[in-house]
Protein backbone atom coordinates (compact mmCIF):
# COMPACT_ATOMS: atom_id res chain seq x y z
CA MET A 1 -8.07 16.32 0.97
CA LEU A 2 -4.59 14.94 1.60
CA PRO A 3 -3.02 15.22 5.07
CA LEU A 4 0.56 16.45 5.14
CA LYS A 5 1.19 16.63 8.90
CA ASP A 6 -0.56 17.34 12.17
CA LEU A 7 0.31 20.06 14.67
CA ASN A 8 0.08 17.65 17.56
CA LYS A 9 3.46 16.53 18.88
CA SER A 10 3.54 13.08 20.45
CA GLN A 11 4.95 12.93 23.98
CA THR A 12 6.42 9.44 23.54
CA THR A 13 8.38 7.72 20.78
CA PRO A 14 5.91 5.77 18.59
CA HIS A 15 7.92 2.55 18.35
CA VAL A 16 4.97 0.32 17.46
CA ASN A 17 3.62 2.70 14.83
CA ARG A 18 7.03 2.79 13.16
CA ILE A 19 7.28 -1.00 13.23
CA LEU A 20 3.81 -1.33 11.66
CA ILE A 21 4.84 1.00 8.83
CA LEU A 22 8.10 -0.87 8.33
CA VAL A 23 6.40 -4.28 8.25
CA ASN A 24 3.85 -3.09 5.68
CA VAL A 25 6.58 -1.69 3.44
CA ILE A 26 8.78 -4.79 3.71
CA VAL A 27 5.90 -7.17 2.97
CA PHE A 28 4.91 -5.10 -0.06
CA MET A 29 8.46 -5.02 -1.42
CA VAL A 30 8.96 -8.77 -1.01
CA TYR A 31 5.55 -9.44 -2.59
CA TRP A 32 6.20 -7.09 -5.52
CA LEU A 33 9.81 -8.15 -6.18
CA SER A 34 8.85 -11.82 -6.16
CA ARG A 35 6.01 -11.19 -8.59
CA ALA A 36 8.54 -9.46 -10.85
CA ASN A 37 10.92 -12.42 -10.47
CA ILE A 38 13.60 -10.10 -9.08
CA PHE A 39 13.71 -11.50 -5.55
CA LEU A 40 12.65 -15.09 -4.89
CA ASP A 41 10.25 -15.99 -7.73
CA VAL A 42 6.71 -15.86 -9.08
CA ALA A 43 5.84 -19.18 -7.44
CA PHE A 44 6.66 -17.67 -4.03
CA ALA A 45 4.43 -14.66 -4.78
CA TYR A 46 1.58 -16.94 -5.87
CA ASN A 47 1.83 -19.07 -2.72
CA PHE A 48 2.13 -15.94 -0.58
CA GLU A 49 -1.04 -14.52 -2.10
CA GLN A 50 -2.96 -17.79 -1.88
CA ASN A 51 -1.98 -18.45 1.74
CA PHE A 52 -2.35 -15.03 3.33
CA THR A 53 -5.12 -13.16 1.46
CA MET A 54 -8.43 -12.98 3.31
CA VAL A 55 -11.29 -14.53 1.31
CA PRO A 56 -14.71 -13.79 2.87
CA GLU A 57 -16.19 -17.13 1.82
CA GLU A 58 -13.50 -18.98 3.75
CA ILE A 59 -14.00 -16.86 6.86
CA VAL A 60 -17.77 -17.46 6.78
CA ASN A 61 -17.04 -21.21 6.62
CA GLY A 62 -14.56 -21.00 9.49
CA GLN A 63 -11.55 -21.68 7.28
CA ARG A 64 -8.13 -19.97 7.37
CA LEU A 65 -9.20 -17.51 10.03
CA TYR A 66 -5.58 -16.43 10.43
CA THR A 67 -5.91 -14.51 7.14
CA LEU A 68 -8.03 -11.94 8.99
CA PHE A 69 -4.72 -10.95 10.58
CA THR A 70 -2.20 -11.55 7.79
CA SER A 71 -4.21 -9.64 5.18
CA MET A 72 -3.81 -6.46 7.29
CA PHE A 73 -0.15 -6.31 6.29
CA MET A 74 -0.55 -6.94 2.56
CA HIS A 75 -1.03 -4.53 -0.34
CA ASP A 76 -1.70 -5.76 -3.85
CA PRO A 77 1.30 -5.10 -6.14
CA SER A 78 -0.35 -6.51 -9.30
CA SER A 79 -0.54 -2.92 -10.52
CA LEU A 80 2.65 -1.24 -9.32
CA TYR A 81 1.22 2.27 -9.68
CA GLY A 82 -2.03 1.43 -7.92
CA GLY A 83 -0.25 -0.71 -5.34
CA VAL A 84 2.29 1.98 -4.49
CA ILE A 85 -0.43 4.63 -4.24
CA HIS A 86 -2.48 2.37 -1.96
CA LEU A 87 0.53 1.65 0.25
CA PHE A 88 1.72 5.26 0.31
CA GLY A 89 -1.73 6.59 1.21
CA ASN A 90 -2.20 4.10 4.00
CA MET A 91 1.26 4.64 5.45
CA LEU A 92 0.92 8.44 5.23
CA PHE A 93 -2.29 8.36 7.28
CA LEU A 94 -0.77 5.89 9.74
CA TYR A 95 2.38 8.01 10.12
CA ILE A 96 0.47 11.25 10.73
CA PHE A 97 -2.24 9.98 13.06
CA GLY A 98 -0.85 6.81 14.62
CA ASP A 99 1.83 8.30 16.85
CA ASN A 100 -0.64 10.32 18.90
CA VAL A 101 -2.99 7.38 19.34
CA GLU A 102 -0.08 5.20 20.47
CA ASP A 103 0.85 8.01 22.86
CA ILE A 104 -2.46 7.47 24.69
CA PHE A 105 -2.87 3.69 24.50
CA GLY A 106 0.77 2.85 25.17
CA HIS A 107 2.90 0.58 23.00
CA VAL A 108 1.28 -2.78 23.79
CA GLY A 109 -2.19 -1.30 24.10
CA TYR A 110 -1.82 0.41 20.73
CA LEU A 111 -0.82 -2.84 19.03
CA VAL A 112 -3.87 -4.59 20.50
CA PHE A 113 -6.05 -1.63 19.50
CA TYR A 114 -4.71 -1.72 15.93
CA ILE A 115 -5.33 -5.45 15.50
CA VAL A 116 -8.81 -5.33 17.05
CA SER A 117 -9.77 -2.41 14.77
CA GLY A 118 -8.51 -4.35 11.76
CA LEU A 119 -10.47 -7.47 12.72
CA ILE A 120 -13.70 -5.52 13.23
CA ALA A 121 -13.12 -3.79 9.89
CA ALA A 122 -12.74 -7.15 8.14
CA PHE A 123 -15.92 -8.53 9.69
CA THR A 124 -17.80 -5.35 8.73
CA HIS A 125 -16.70 -5.82 5.13
CA ILE A 126 -17.89 -9.43 5.13
CA VAL A 127 -21.28 -8.49 6.59
CA SER A 128 -21.65 -5.68 4.03
CA LEU A 129 -21.33 -8.18 1.19
CA PHE A 130 -24.54 -9.89 2.27
CA PHE A 131 -26.37 -6.56 1.96
CA ALA A 132 -24.77 -5.67 -1.38
CA PRO A 133 -27.77 -6.79 -3.51
CA PHE A 134 -30.22 -4.84 -1.32
CA ILE A 135 -28.15 -1.65 -1.22
CA GLY A 136 -27.49 -1.96 -4.93
CA SER A 137 -31.23 -2.05 -5.61
CA LEU A 138 -31.71 1.10 -3.50
CA VAL A 139 -29.13 3.13 -5.43
CA GLY A 140 -29.90 1.59 -8.82
CA ILE A 141 -26.61 -0.30 -9.19
CA PRO A 142 -27.06 -4.06 -9.75
CA ASN A 143 -24.99 -6.05 -7.26
CA SER A 144 -24.77 -9.73 -6.46
CA LEU A 145 -23.42 -11.50 -3.40
CA ASN A 146 -19.79 -12.44 -4.06
CA LEU A 147 -17.74 -13.82 -1.21
CA THR A 148 -14.87 -15.14 -3.32
CA ILE A 149 -12.96 -11.90 -3.92
CA GLY A 150 -9.84 -11.75 -1.75
CA VAL A 151 -9.16 -8.72 0.43
CA VAL A 152 -5.82 -7.22 1.45
CA GLY A 153 -4.72 -3.92 2.93
CA ALA A 154 -4.18 -2.06 6.18
CA SER A 155 -6.98 0.44 5.53
CA GLY A 156 -9.44 -1.08 8.02
CA ALA A 157 -6.99 -1.02 10.93
CA ILE A 158 -5.77 2.46 9.99
CA SER A 159 -9.38 3.64 9.86
CA GLY A 160 -9.56 2.58 13.50
CA VAL A 161 -6.62 4.88 14.20
CA LEU A 162 -8.49 7.73 12.52
CA GLY A 163 -11.61 7.01 14.56
CA ALA A 164 -9.61 7.12 17.78
CA TYR A 165 -7.85 10.33 16.74
CA ILE A 166 -11.11 12.21 16.13
CA VAL A 167 -12.26 11.28 19.65
CA LEU A 168 -8.97 12.00 21.41
CA TYR A 169 -7.85 15.09 19.47
CA PRO A 170 -10.89 16.68 17.78
CA LYS A 171 -9.37 20.17 17.87
CA ALA A 172 -5.89 19.20 16.63
CA ARG A 173 -4.85 21.01 13.47
CA ILE A 174 -4.15 18.96 10.36
CA ILE A 175 -2.07 20.63 7.67
CA ALA A 176 -3.79 19.38 4.53
CA LEU A 177 -3.70 19.83 0.79
CA VAL A 178 -7.23 20.88 -0.15
CA PHE A 179 -7.52 21.15 -3.90
CA TYR A 180 -4.57 23.47 -4.63
CA LEU A 181 -4.29 25.04 -1.18
CA ILE A 182 -2.29 23.95 1.87
CA ILE A 183 -4.32 24.96 4.91
CA PRO A 184 -4.80 23.92 8.57
CA VAL A 185 -8.02 21.99 9.15
CA PRO A 186 -9.40 20.87 12.55
CA ALA A 187 -9.18 17.10 12.91
CA ILE A 188 -12.92 16.81 13.56
CA ILE A 189 -13.63 18.41 10.17
CA PHE A 190 -10.88 16.64 8.21
CA LEU A 191 -11.68 13.19 9.56
CA GLY A 192 -15.41 13.87 9.66
CA VAL A 193 -15.43 14.65 5.93
CA TRP A 194 -13.30 11.57 5.29
CA PHE A 195 -15.79 9.39 7.18
CA VAL A 196 -18.82 10.80 5.37
CA LEU A 197 -17.11 10.15 2.04
CA GLN A 198 -16.61 6.50 3.00
CA PHE A 199 -20.38 6.17 3.45
CA PHE A 200 -20.99 7.76 0.05
CA TYR A 201 -18.45 5.53 -1.68
CA GLY A 202 -19.70 2.50 0.25
CA PHE A 203 -23.25 2.89 -1.03
CA PHE A 204 -22.26 3.52 -4.62
CA ASP A 205 -19.39 1.03 -4.81
CA ILE A 206 -20.57 -1.70 -2.44
CA SER A 207 -19.02 -4.55 -4.41
CA GLY A 208 -16.30 -2.61 -6.20
CA GLY A 209 -12.55 -2.79 -5.80
CA VAL A 210 -12.29 -0.94 -2.45
CA ALA A 211 -13.64 -2.27 0.85
CA TYR A 212 -15.22 1.00 1.98
CA TRP A 213 -17.37 -0.70 4.60
CA ALA A 214 -14.20 -2.01 6.20
CA HIS A 215 -13.13 1.63 6.54
CA ILE A 216 -16.45 2.46 8.17
CA GLY A 217 -16.31 -0.49 10.53
CA GLY A 218 -12.73 0.22 11.51
CA PHE A 219 -13.43 3.91 12.10
CA VAL A 220 -16.42 3.22 14.35
CA ALA A 221 -14.43 0.56 16.23
CA GLY A 222 -11.63 3.05 16.81
CA MET A 223 -14.07 5.66 18.10
CA VAL A 224 -15.68 3.21 20.52
CA LEU A 225 -12.33 1.93 21.82
CA ALA A 226 -11.12 5.50 22.29
CA LEU A 227 -14.31 6.47 24.13
CA VAL A 228 -14.18 3.43 26.40
CA PHE A 229 -10.44 3.20 27.06
CA GLY A 230 -8.60 6.12 25.46
CA LEU A 231 -10.29 9.18 26.95
CA LYS A 232 -9.76 7.94 30.50
CA ARG A 233 -6.05 7.36 29.81
CA LYS A 234 -5.74 10.77 28.13
CA ARG A 235 -7.35 12.57 31.07
CA ALA A 236 -5.05 10.75 33.50
CA ARG A 237 -1.98 11.67 31.43
CA ASP A 238 -3.04 15.31 31.15
CA ALA A 239 -3.66 15.46 34.92
CA ARG A 240 -0.16 14.13 35.63
CA HIS A 241 1.36 16.78 33.39
CA ARG A 242 -0.53 19.55 35.22
CA LEU A 243 0.96 18.53 38.57
């Protein structure tokens, strides 16, 4: 399923959400153009990658902890097609669902929420790597512990946005492309199916090229933050509008 839009108009201008999308796109373009030696040079791209990619082994050893943050704004352009698809998919989900979550948390609160969700997602991914051999043995896919593979992408933080959305707007209609049909789907079903799929992919691709457990961790973090902080703010906003 691919979301096209939601029928849930935001009541405020999502300044932070737009800035997050813009930053992700700009970082990707600079990264890609430098790798292609079109803007800056390959040496810049190499240093950029080496300095800002999150490597689980380093985090476990307390090194370069800042990469937990910087890696949230990077998308790998080594394969332009795959990199563009990854970026486009992430930004599409953020564009559709992020404005309404920012509407509830407020601009500063939403930025904090986004970063916290991304950090929890990163830590969930790191923890999942330690269980990779065990889970692999359960599903019959040999896996070994590998903490040296770098991780980039906004998926974990955006998963937090999705988790908050399903709590705050479970009945909102999502216009989605489902196979060859464009149909409205309740958010609780659309995002619920998405979440279940992450579990399926996580078990059968625990050490593959996508950090599915980061998606799971981010989603759960977003749900919890929305339950603890978001619902109260949403009820207060709705009460003001009824006056």
